[in-house]
């Protein structure tokens, strides 16, 4: 078994995308607080106001985190058993995640939500494909 460094690169990219969104969120909120436009406690964690860019940014970040653990587990298992499919699918999974986030940042309306959902569906299908492709390999490894 060899380690697919390109798969690791895209897995790191997924984590870096989450970190980028977090930096943008902290910067945006920080600027509002420093400028006096909002108080530091004026960003309730469960309040979503689609008209506000920072609210959409917060949701894009949270959506990224919601899938990050699933990506780590499935891609990690695939890479651990040497499944080369991880290196082929992770670039598309990352691209779909970035696309979903960018659409979220643009705004919210019926069509944008549909496009966002399509990007999420791509990620889900590719992750399911990778998991299903990895499962038999893992089963063969644990047979006595």
C-alpha atoms as a PDB file:
ATOM      1  CA  UNK A   1       0.000   0.000   0.000  1.00  0.00           C
ATOM      2  CA  UNK A   2       1.276   3.444  -0.890  1.00  0.00           C
ATOM      3  CA  UNK A   3       0.087   6.743   0.481  1.00  0.00           C
ATOM      4  CA  UNK A   4      -1.660   8.898  -2.110  1.00  0.00           C
ATOM      5  CA  UNK A   5      -0.213  12.347  -1.429  1.00  0.00           C
ATOM      6  CA  UNK A   6      -2.581  14.011  -3.896  1.00  0.00           C
ATOM      7  CA  UNK A   7      -5.521  12.692  -1.867  1.00  0.00           C
ATOM      8  CA  UNK A   8      -3.913  14.122   1.267  1.00  0.00           C
ATOM      9  CA  UNK A   9      -3.476  17.444  -0.501  1.00  0.00           C
ATOM     10  CA  UNK A  10      -7.183  17.665  -1.315  1.00  0.00           C
ATOM     11  CA  UNK A  11      -8.146  16.512   2.160  1.00  0.00           C
ATOM     12  CA  UNK A  12      -5.950  19.299   3.525  1.00  0.00           C
ATOM     13  CA  UNK A  13      -7.604  21.637   1.031  1.00  0.00           C
ATOM     14  CA  UNK A  14     -11.035  20.828   2.458  1.00  0.00           C
ATOM     15  CA  UNK A  15      -9.795  21.690   5.952  1.00  0.00           C
ATOM     16  CA  UNK A  16      -8.106  24.848   4.663  1.00  0.00           C
ATOM     17  CA  UNK A  17     -11.348  25.944   3.006  1.00  0.00           C
ATOM     18  CA  UNK A  18     -13.076  25.678   6.390  1.00  0.00           C
ATOM     19  CA  UNK A  19     -10.235  27.668   7.961  1.00  0.00           C
ATOM     20  CA  UNK A  20     -10.467  30.320   5.223  1.00  0.00           C
ATOM     21  CA  UNK A  21     -14.204  30.732   5.850  1.00  0.00           C
ATOM     22  CA  UNK A  22     -13.518  31.015   9.587  1.00  0.00           C
ATOM     23  CA  UNK A  23     -10.870  33.713   9.044  1.00  0.00           C
ATOM     24  CA  UNK A  24     -13.279  35.624   6.783  1.00  0.00           C
ATOM     25  CA  UNK A  25     -16.035  35.323   9.375  1.00  0.00           C
ATOM     26  CA  UNK A  26     -13.805  36.481  12.237  1.00  0.00           C
ATOM     27  CA  UNK A  27     -12.479  39.371  10.134  1.00  0.00           C
ATOM     28  CA  UNK A  28     -15.970  40.465   9.082  1.00  0.00           C
ATOM     29  CA  UNK A  29     -17.353  40.325  12.589  1.00  0.00           C
ATOM     30  CA  UNK A  30     -14.214  41.913  14.023  1.00  0.00           C
ATOM     31  CA  UNK A  31     -14.471  44.851  11.644  1.00  0.00           C
ATOM     32  CA  UNK A  32     -18.084  45.419  12.619  1.00  0.00           C
ATOM     33  CA  UNK A  33     -17.195  45.392  16.316  1.00  0.00           C
ATOM     34  CA  UNK A  34     -14.103  47.600  15.965  1.00  0.00           C
ATOM     35  CA  UNK A  35     -15.998  50.103  13.799  1.00  0.00           C
ATOM     36  CA  UNK A  36     -18.769  50.291  16.393  1.00  0.00           C
ATOM     37  CA  UNK A  37     -21.485  49.099  14.003  1.00  0.00           C
ATOM     38  CA  UNK A  38     -22.264  46.074  16.192  1.00  0.00           C
ATOM     39  CA  UNK A  39     -21.543  44.900  19.692  1.00  0.00           C
ATOM     40  CA  UNK A  40     -19.399  41.817  20.205  1.00  0.00           C
ATOM     41  CA  UNK A  41     -22.388  39.949  21.632  1.00  0.00           C
ATOM     42  CA  UNK A  42     -24.636  40.859  18.684  1.00  0.00           C
ATOM     43  CA  UNK A  43     -23.915  37.678  16.717  1.00  0.00           C
ATOM     44  CA  UNK A  44     -26.301  35.041  18.066  1.00  0.00           C
ATOM     45  CA  UNK A  45     -25.146  31.543  17.083  1.00  0.00           C
ATOM     46  CA  UNK A  46     -28.518  30.196  15.964  1.00  0.00           C
ATOM     47  CA  UNK A  47     -29.938  33.252  14.260  1.00  0.00           C
ATOM     48  CA  UNK A  48     -29.882  33.129  10.462  1.00  0.00           C
ATOM     49  CA  UNK A  49     -30.665  36.259   8.492  1.00  0.00           C
ATOM     50  CA  UNK A  50     -30.215  35.434   4.775  1.00  0.00           C
ATOM     51  CA  UNK A  51     -30.063  39.101   3.795  1.00  0.00           C
ATOM     52  CA  UNK A  52     -26.875  39.609   5.863  1.00  0.00           C
ATOM     53  CA  UNK A  53     -23.609  38.551   4.241  1.00  0.00           C
ATOM     54  CA  UNK A  54     -21.997  37.637   7.570  1.00  0.00           C
ATOM     55  CA  UNK A  55     -24.958  35.432   8.430  1.00  0.00           C
ATOM     56  CA  UNK A  56     -24.601  33.588   5.111  1.00  0.00           C
ATOM     57  CA  UNK A  57     -20.840  33.337   5.682  1.00  0.00           C
ATOM     58  CA  UNK A  58     -21.480  31.806   9.091  1.00  0.00           C
ATOM     59  CA  UNK A  59     -23.834  29.224   7.568  1.00  0.00           C
ATOM     60  CA  UNK A  60     -21.360  28.442   4.762  1.00  0.00           C
ATOM     61  CA  UNK A  61     -18.692  27.809   7.409  1.00  0.00           C
ATOM     62  CA  UNK A  62     -21.042  25.669   9.514  1.00  0.00           C
ATOM     63  CA  UNK A  63     -22.115  23.672   6.434  1.00  0.00           C
ATOM     64  CA  UNK A  64     -18.453  23.007   5.643  1.00  0.00           C
ATOM     65  CA  UNK A  65     -17.818  21.761   9.186  1.00  0.00           C
ATOM     66  CA  UNK A  66     -20.902  19.536   9.065  1.00  0.00           C
ATOM     67  CA  UNK A  67     -19.378  17.502   6.246  1.00  0.00           C
ATOM     68  CA  UNK A  68     -15.702  17.773   7.230  1.00  0.00           C
ATOM     69  CA  UNK A  69     -15.830  14.862   9.680  1.00  0.00           C
ATOM     70  CA  UNK A  70     -17.499  12.609   7.129  1.00  0.00           C
ATOM     71  CA  UNK A  71     -14.872  13.529   4.534  1.00  0.00           C
ATOM     72  CA  UNK A  72     -12.034  12.852   6.979  1.00  0.00           C
ATOM     73  CA  UNK A  73     -13.370   9.443   8.004  1.00  0.00           C
ATOM     74  CA  UNK A  74     -14.214   8.159   4.524  1.00  0.00           C
ATOM     75  CA  UNK A  75     -11.167   9.605   2.756  1.00  0.00           C
ATOM     76  CA  UNK A  76      -8.921   8.602   5.652  1.00  0.00           C
ATOM     77  CA  UNK A  77     -10.139   5.009   5.541  1.00  0.00           C
ATOM     78  CA  UNK A  78      -9.744   4.929   1.765  1.00  0.00           C
ATOM     79  CA  UNK A  79      -6.214   6.300   1.946  1.00  0.00           C
ATOM     80  CA  UNK A  80      -5.292   3.955   4.803  1.00  0.00           C
ATOM     81  CA  UNK A  81      -6.071   0.922   2.632  1.00  0.00           C
ATOM     82  CA  UNK A  82      -4.457   2.420  -0.459  1.00  0.00           C
ATOM     83  CA  UNK A  83      -7.641   3.082  -2.406  1.00  0.00           C
ATOM     84  CA  UNK A  84      -6.516   5.261  -5.319  1.00  0.00           C
ATOM     85  CA  UNK A  85     -10.101   6.379  -5.934  1.00  0.00           C
ATOM     86  CA  UNK A  86      -9.670   8.865  -3.064  1.00  0.00           C
ATOM     87  CA  UNK A  87      -7.140  10.840  -5.077  1.00  0.00           C
ATOM     88  CA  UNK A  88      -9.506  10.893  -8.045  1.00  0.00           C
ATOM     89  CA  UNK A  89     -12.666  11.913  -6.170  1.00  0.00           C
ATOM     90  CA  UNK A  90     -11.364  14.322  -3.527  1.00  0.00           C
ATOM     91  CA  UNK A  91     -10.600  17.128  -6.021  1.00  0.00           C
ATOM     92  CA  UNK A  92     -14.235  17.003  -7.159  1.00  0.00           C
ATOM     93  CA  UNK A  93     -15.518  16.817  -3.598  1.00  0.00           C
ATOM     94  CA  UNK A  94     -13.453  19.880  -2.670  1.00  0.00           C
ATOM     95  CA  UNK A  95     -14.533  21.758  -5.810  1.00  0.00           C
ATOM     96  CA  UNK A  96     -18.198  21.013  -5.065  1.00  0.00           C
ATOM     97  CA  UNK A  97     -17.731  22.189  -1.458  1.00  0.00           C
ATOM     98  CA  UNK A  98     -16.157  25.468  -2.584  1.00  0.00           C
ATOM     99  CA  UNK A  99     -18.916  25.908  -5.160  1.00  0.00           C
ATOM    100  CA  UNK A 100     -21.580  25.306  -2.523  1.00  0.00           C
ATOM    101  CA  UNK A 101     -19.985  27.841  -0.181  1.00  0.00           C
ATOM    102  CA  UNK A 102     -19.596  30.490  -2.884  1.00  0.00           C
ATOM    103  CA  UNK A 103     -23.229  30.137  -3.942  1.00  0.00           C
ATOM    104  CA  UNK A 104     -24.206  30.499  -0.273  1.00  0.00           C
ATOM    105  CA  UNK A 105     -22.210  33.732  -0.082  1.00  0.00           C
ATOM    106  CA  UNK A 106     -23.847  35.164  -3.212  1.00  0.00           C
ATOM    107  CA  UNK A 107     -27.318  35.132  -1.696  1.00  0.00           C
ATOM    108  CA  UNK A 108     -30.445  33.143  -1.020  1.00  0.00           C
ATOM    109  CA  UNK A 109     -33.310  32.576  -3.413  1.00  0.00           C
ATOM    110  CA  UNK A 110     -35.052  29.545  -4.860  1.00  0.00           C
ATOM    111  CA  UNK A 111     -32.536  28.934  -7.656  1.00  0.00           C
ATOM    112  CA  UNK A 112     -29.453  29.591  -5.555  1.00  0.00           C
ATOM    113  CA  UNK A 113     -30.681  27.113  -2.951  1.00  0.00           C
ATOM    114  CA  UNK A 114     -31.285  24.561  -5.721  1.00  0.00           C
ATOM    115  CA  UNK A 115     -27.739  25.058  -7.028  1.00  0.00           C
ATOM    116  CA  UNK A 116     -26.333  24.808  -3.508  1.00  0.00           C
ATOM    117  CA  UNK A 117     -28.221  21.561  -3.028  1.00  0.00           C
ATOM    118  CA  UNK A 118     -26.823  20.207  -6.303  1.00  0.00           C
ATOM    119  CA  UNK A 119     -23.278  20.891  -5.061  1.00  0.00           C
ATOM    120  CA  UNK A 120     -24.084  19.140  -1.774  1.00  0.00           C
ATOM    121  CA  UNK A 121     -25.563  16.179  -3.623  1.00  0.00           C
ATOM    122  CA  UNK A 122     -22.372  15.849  -5.703  1.00  0.00           C
ATOM    123  CA  UNK A 123     -20.328  15.665  -2.498  1.00  0.00           C
ATOM    124  CA  UNK A 124     -22.650  13.104  -0.950  1.00  0.00           C
ATOM    125  CA  UNK A 125     -22.694  10.850  -4.018  1.00  0.00           C
ATOM    126  CA  UNK A 126     -18.907  10.975  -4.441  1.00  0.00           C
ATOM    127  CA  UNK A 127     -18.339  10.242  -0.751  1.00  0.00           C
ATOM    128  CA  UNK A 128     -20.807   7.342  -0.894  1.00  0.00           C
ATOM    129  CA  UNK A 129     -19.007   6.003  -3.974  1.00  0.00           C
ATOM    130  CA  UNK A 130     -15.656   6.221  -2.176  1.00  0.00           C
ATOM    131  CA  UNK A 131     -17.073   4.541   0.942  1.00  0.00           C
ATOM    132  CA  UNK A 132     -18.657   1.721  -1.056  1.00  0.00           C
ATOM    133  CA  UNK A 133     -15.446   1.221  -3.018  1.00  0.00           C
ATOM    134  CA  UNK A 134     -13.373   1.106   0.185  1.00  0.00           C
ATOM    135  CA  UNK A 135     -15.643  -1.201   2.184  1.00  0.00           C
ATOM    136  CA  UNK A 136     -14.786  -4.487   0.415  1.00  0.00           C
ATOM    137  CA  UNK A 137     -11.071  -3.732   0.669  1.00  0.00           C
ATOM    138  CA  UNK A 138     -11.417  -3.226   4.418  1.00  0.00           C
ATOM    139  CA  UNK A 139     -13.458  -6.434   4.734  1.00  0.00           C
ATOM    140  CA  UNK A 140     -10.730  -8.385   2.943  1.00  0.00           C
ATOM    141  CA  UNK A 141      -8.117  -6.963   5.314  1.00  0.00           C
ATOM    142  CA  UNK A 142      -9.965  -8.049   8.459  1.00  0.00           C
ATOM    143  CA  UNK A 143     -10.677 -11.624   7.355  1.00  0.00           C
ATOM    144  CA  UNK A 144      -8.762 -14.135   9.506  1.00  0.00           C
END
